[in-house]
N, C-alpha and C. Protein backbone atom coordinates (compact mmCIF):
# COMPACT_ATOMS: atom_id res chain seq x y z
N UNK A 1 13.69 182.65 -52.74
CA UNK A 1 12.79 183.35 -51.85
C UNK A 1 13.26 183.17 -50.41
N UNK A 2 13.31 184.27 -49.70
CA UNK A 2 13.73 184.24 -48.29
C UNK A 2 12.54 183.86 -47.41
N UNK A 3 12.85 183.39 -46.22
CA UNK A 3 11.81 183.01 -45.27
C UNK A 3 11.35 184.24 -44.49
N UNK A 4 10.20 184.11 -43.85
CA UNK A 4 9.72 185.19 -42.98
C UNK A 4 10.73 185.45 -41.87
N UNK A 5 11.35 184.39 -41.36
CA UNK A 5 12.36 184.53 -40.31
C UNK A 5 13.50 185.42 -40.78
N UNK A 6 14.02 185.16 -41.97
CA UNK A 6 15.12 185.97 -42.51
C UNK A 6 14.67 187.41 -42.75
N UNK A 7 13.44 187.56 -43.23
CA UNK A 7 12.94 188.90 -43.52
C UNK A 7 12.76 189.73 -42.26
N UNK A 8 12.27 189.12 -41.20
CA UNK A 8 12.09 189.86 -39.94
C UNK A 8 13.45 190.28 -39.39
N UNK A 9 14.43 189.38 -39.45
CA UNK A 9 15.77 189.74 -38.98
C UNK A 9 16.32 190.91 -39.80
N UNK A 10 16.17 190.84 -41.11
CA UNK A 10 16.68 191.90 -41.99
C UNK A 10 15.99 193.24 -41.68
N UNK A 11 14.68 193.20 -41.54
CA UNK A 11 13.92 194.42 -41.23
C UNK A 11 14.41 195.02 -39.92
N UNK A 12 14.53 194.19 -38.90
CA UNK A 12 14.98 194.67 -37.58
C UNK A 12 16.37 195.28 -37.67
N UNK A 13 17.27 194.60 -38.36
CA UNK A 13 18.64 195.11 -38.48
C UNK A 13 18.69 196.40 -39.29
N UNK A 14 17.89 196.50 -40.33
CA UNK A 14 17.85 197.73 -41.12
C UNK A 14 17.33 198.91 -40.30
N UNK A 15 16.48 198.62 -39.34
CA UNK A 15 15.97 199.66 -38.44
C UNK A 15 16.97 200.02 -37.36
N UNK A 16 18.03 199.23 -37.24
CA UNK A 16 19.05 199.48 -36.23
C UNK A 16 18.60 199.14 -34.82
N UNK A 17 17.69 198.17 -34.71
CA UNK A 17 17.15 197.80 -33.42
C UNK A 17 17.66 196.44 -32.97
N UNK A 18 17.84 196.29 -31.67
CA UNK A 18 18.14 194.98 -31.12
C UNK A 18 16.83 194.19 -31.07
N UNK A 19 16.94 192.90 -30.82
CA UNK A 19 15.72 192.10 -30.66
C UNK A 19 14.87 192.64 -29.52
N UNK A 20 15.52 193.04 -28.45
CA UNK A 20 14.81 193.56 -27.28
C UNK A 20 14.06 194.85 -27.63
N UNK A 21 14.71 195.75 -28.36
CA UNK A 21 14.07 197.01 -28.74
C UNK A 21 12.91 196.78 -29.70
N UNK A 22 13.13 195.92 -30.68
CA UNK A 22 12.10 195.59 -31.67
C UNK A 22 10.89 194.99 -30.96
N UNK A 23 11.15 194.03 -30.07
CA UNK A 23 10.08 193.37 -29.33
C UNK A 23 9.31 194.36 -28.46
N UNK A 24 10.03 195.25 -27.79
CA UNK A 24 9.38 196.22 -26.91
C UNK A 24 8.43 197.12 -27.68
N UNK A 25 8.83 197.55 -28.86
CA UNK A 25 7.97 198.40 -29.67
C UNK A 25 6.70 197.68 -30.09
N UNK A 26 6.79 196.35 -30.21
CA UNK A 26 5.63 195.54 -30.59
C UNK A 26 4.84 195.05 -29.39
N UNK A 27 5.38 195.26 -28.19
CA UNK A 27 4.70 194.82 -26.99
C UNK A 27 4.96 193.36 -26.65
N UNK A 28 6.11 192.82 -27.10
CA UNK A 28 6.47 191.43 -26.86
C UNK A 28 7.77 191.33 -26.08
N UNK A 29 8.02 190.17 -25.56
CA UNK A 29 9.30 189.82 -24.95
C UNK A 29 10.28 189.53 -26.08
N UNK A 30 11.55 189.80 -25.87
CA UNK A 30 12.56 189.59 -26.92
C UNK A 30 12.67 188.13 -27.33
N UNK A 31 12.28 187.21 -26.45
CA UNK A 31 12.34 185.78 -26.82
C UNK A 31 11.43 185.46 -28.01
N UNK A 32 10.32 186.17 -28.10
CA UNK A 32 9.39 185.96 -29.21
C UNK A 32 10.06 186.32 -30.52
N UNK A 33 10.74 187.47 -30.56
CA UNK A 33 11.43 187.90 -31.78
C UNK A 33 12.54 186.91 -32.12
N UNK A 34 13.24 186.42 -31.13
CA UNK A 34 14.27 185.41 -31.36
C UNK A 34 13.66 184.16 -31.99
N UNK A 35 12.54 183.73 -31.47
CA UNK A 35 11.87 182.54 -32.03
C UNK A 35 11.51 182.78 -33.49
N UNK A 36 10.95 183.96 -33.79
CA UNK A 36 10.59 184.27 -35.17
C UNK A 36 11.83 184.21 -36.06
N UNK A 37 12.90 184.85 -35.60
CA UNK A 37 14.12 184.95 -36.42
C UNK A 37 14.81 183.60 -36.60
N UNK A 38 14.54 182.67 -35.72
CA UNK A 38 15.13 181.33 -35.84
C UNK A 38 14.14 180.33 -36.44
N UNK A 39 13.02 180.82 -36.93
CA UNK A 39 12.06 179.97 -37.61
C UNK A 39 11.27 179.04 -36.69
N UNK A 40 11.25 179.33 -35.41
CA UNK A 40 10.52 178.49 -34.45
C UNK A 40 9.05 178.88 -34.34
N UNK A 41 8.71 179.98 -34.96
CA UNK A 41 7.34 180.48 -34.95
C UNK A 41 7.25 181.64 -35.93
N UNK A 42 6.05 182.09 -36.14
CA UNK A 42 5.82 183.22 -37.04
C UNK A 42 4.87 184.20 -36.37
N UNK A 43 5.02 185.48 -36.68
CA UNK A 43 4.09 186.45 -36.11
C UNK A 43 2.69 186.21 -36.68
N UNK A 44 1.67 186.46 -35.85
CA UNK A 44 0.31 186.34 -36.35
C UNK A 44 -0.02 187.54 -37.23
N UNK A 45 -1.15 187.49 -37.89
CA UNK A 45 -1.49 188.53 -38.86
C UNK A 45 -1.62 189.90 -38.21
N UNK A 46 -2.11 189.95 -36.97
CA UNK A 46 -2.21 191.24 -36.28
C UNK A 46 -0.83 191.84 -36.02
N UNK A 47 0.14 190.99 -35.72
CA UNK A 47 1.51 191.46 -35.49
C UNK A 47 2.15 191.90 -36.80
N UNK A 48 1.86 191.19 -37.87
CA UNK A 48 2.37 191.59 -39.19
C UNK A 48 1.83 192.98 -39.53
N UNK A 49 0.55 193.21 -39.27
CA UNK A 49 -0.04 194.53 -39.52
C UNK A 49 0.65 195.60 -38.66
N UNK A 50 0.94 195.25 -37.41
CA UNK A 50 1.61 196.19 -36.51
C UNK A 50 3.02 196.52 -37.00
N UNK A 51 3.76 195.52 -37.46
CA UNK A 51 5.09 195.75 -38.04
C UNK A 51 4.97 196.70 -39.23
N UNK A 52 3.99 196.44 -40.07
CA UNK A 52 3.75 197.28 -41.25
C UNK A 52 3.49 198.73 -40.83
N UNK A 53 2.65 198.92 -39.83
CA UNK A 53 2.25 200.26 -39.42
C UNK A 53 3.33 200.99 -38.61
N UNK A 54 3.91 200.32 -37.64
CA UNK A 54 4.90 200.96 -36.77
C UNK A 54 6.19 201.32 -37.48
N UNK A 55 6.61 200.41 -38.36
CA UNK A 55 7.93 200.58 -38.96
C UNK A 55 7.87 200.96 -40.44
N UNK A 56 6.66 201.20 -40.94
CA UNK A 56 6.48 201.59 -42.34
C UNK A 56 7.13 200.57 -43.29
N UNK A 57 6.84 199.30 -43.03
CA UNK A 57 7.41 198.20 -43.81
C UNK A 57 6.33 197.64 -44.72
N UNK A 58 6.63 197.51 -45.99
CA UNK A 58 5.68 196.91 -46.93
C UNK A 58 5.48 195.43 -46.61
N UNK A 59 4.27 194.96 -46.84
CA UNK A 59 3.99 193.55 -46.61
C UNK A 59 4.89 192.65 -47.44
N UNK A 60 5.25 193.10 -48.63
CA UNK A 60 6.13 192.31 -49.50
C UNK A 60 7.49 192.06 -48.85
N UNK A 61 7.95 193.03 -48.04
CA UNK A 61 9.23 192.86 -47.35
C UNK A 61 9.15 191.79 -46.27
N UNK A 62 7.98 191.63 -45.69
CA UNK A 62 7.80 190.62 -44.65
C UNK A 62 7.63 189.24 -45.27
N UNK A 63 6.77 189.17 -46.29
CA UNK A 63 6.44 187.88 -46.89
C UNK A 63 7.31 187.52 -48.08
N UNK A 64 8.05 188.48 -48.65
CA UNK A 64 8.95 188.27 -49.77
C UNK A 64 8.23 187.71 -50.99
N UNK A 65 7.20 188.44 -51.42
CA UNK A 65 6.53 188.10 -52.67
C UNK A 65 6.11 189.37 -53.37
N UNK A 66 5.81 189.25 -54.63
CA UNK A 66 5.43 190.39 -55.45
C UNK A 66 3.91 190.38 -55.62
N UNK A 67 3.24 191.39 -55.09
CA UNK A 67 1.79 191.42 -55.17
C UNK A 67 1.26 191.59 -56.59
N UNK A 68 2.09 192.08 -57.50
CA UNK A 68 1.64 192.35 -58.85
C UNK A 68 1.70 191.12 -59.75
N UNK A 69 2.33 190.07 -59.32
CA UNK A 69 2.43 188.85 -60.14
C UNK A 69 1.65 187.71 -59.56
């Protein structure tokens, strides 16, 4: 199972966005995204919802679990 940090990095890279671009779309400074990607912190639930809505990302991709099991 991958970590949330790894999943956020993967999602951002698949979108073709830099940390700065990803952060700007979420209304954050790029340092926050860097912290998430390095496991120094995690996005709060409201930010997870925003990632889901803005980027059309399934929650399973963020948390790396199967909702059906």
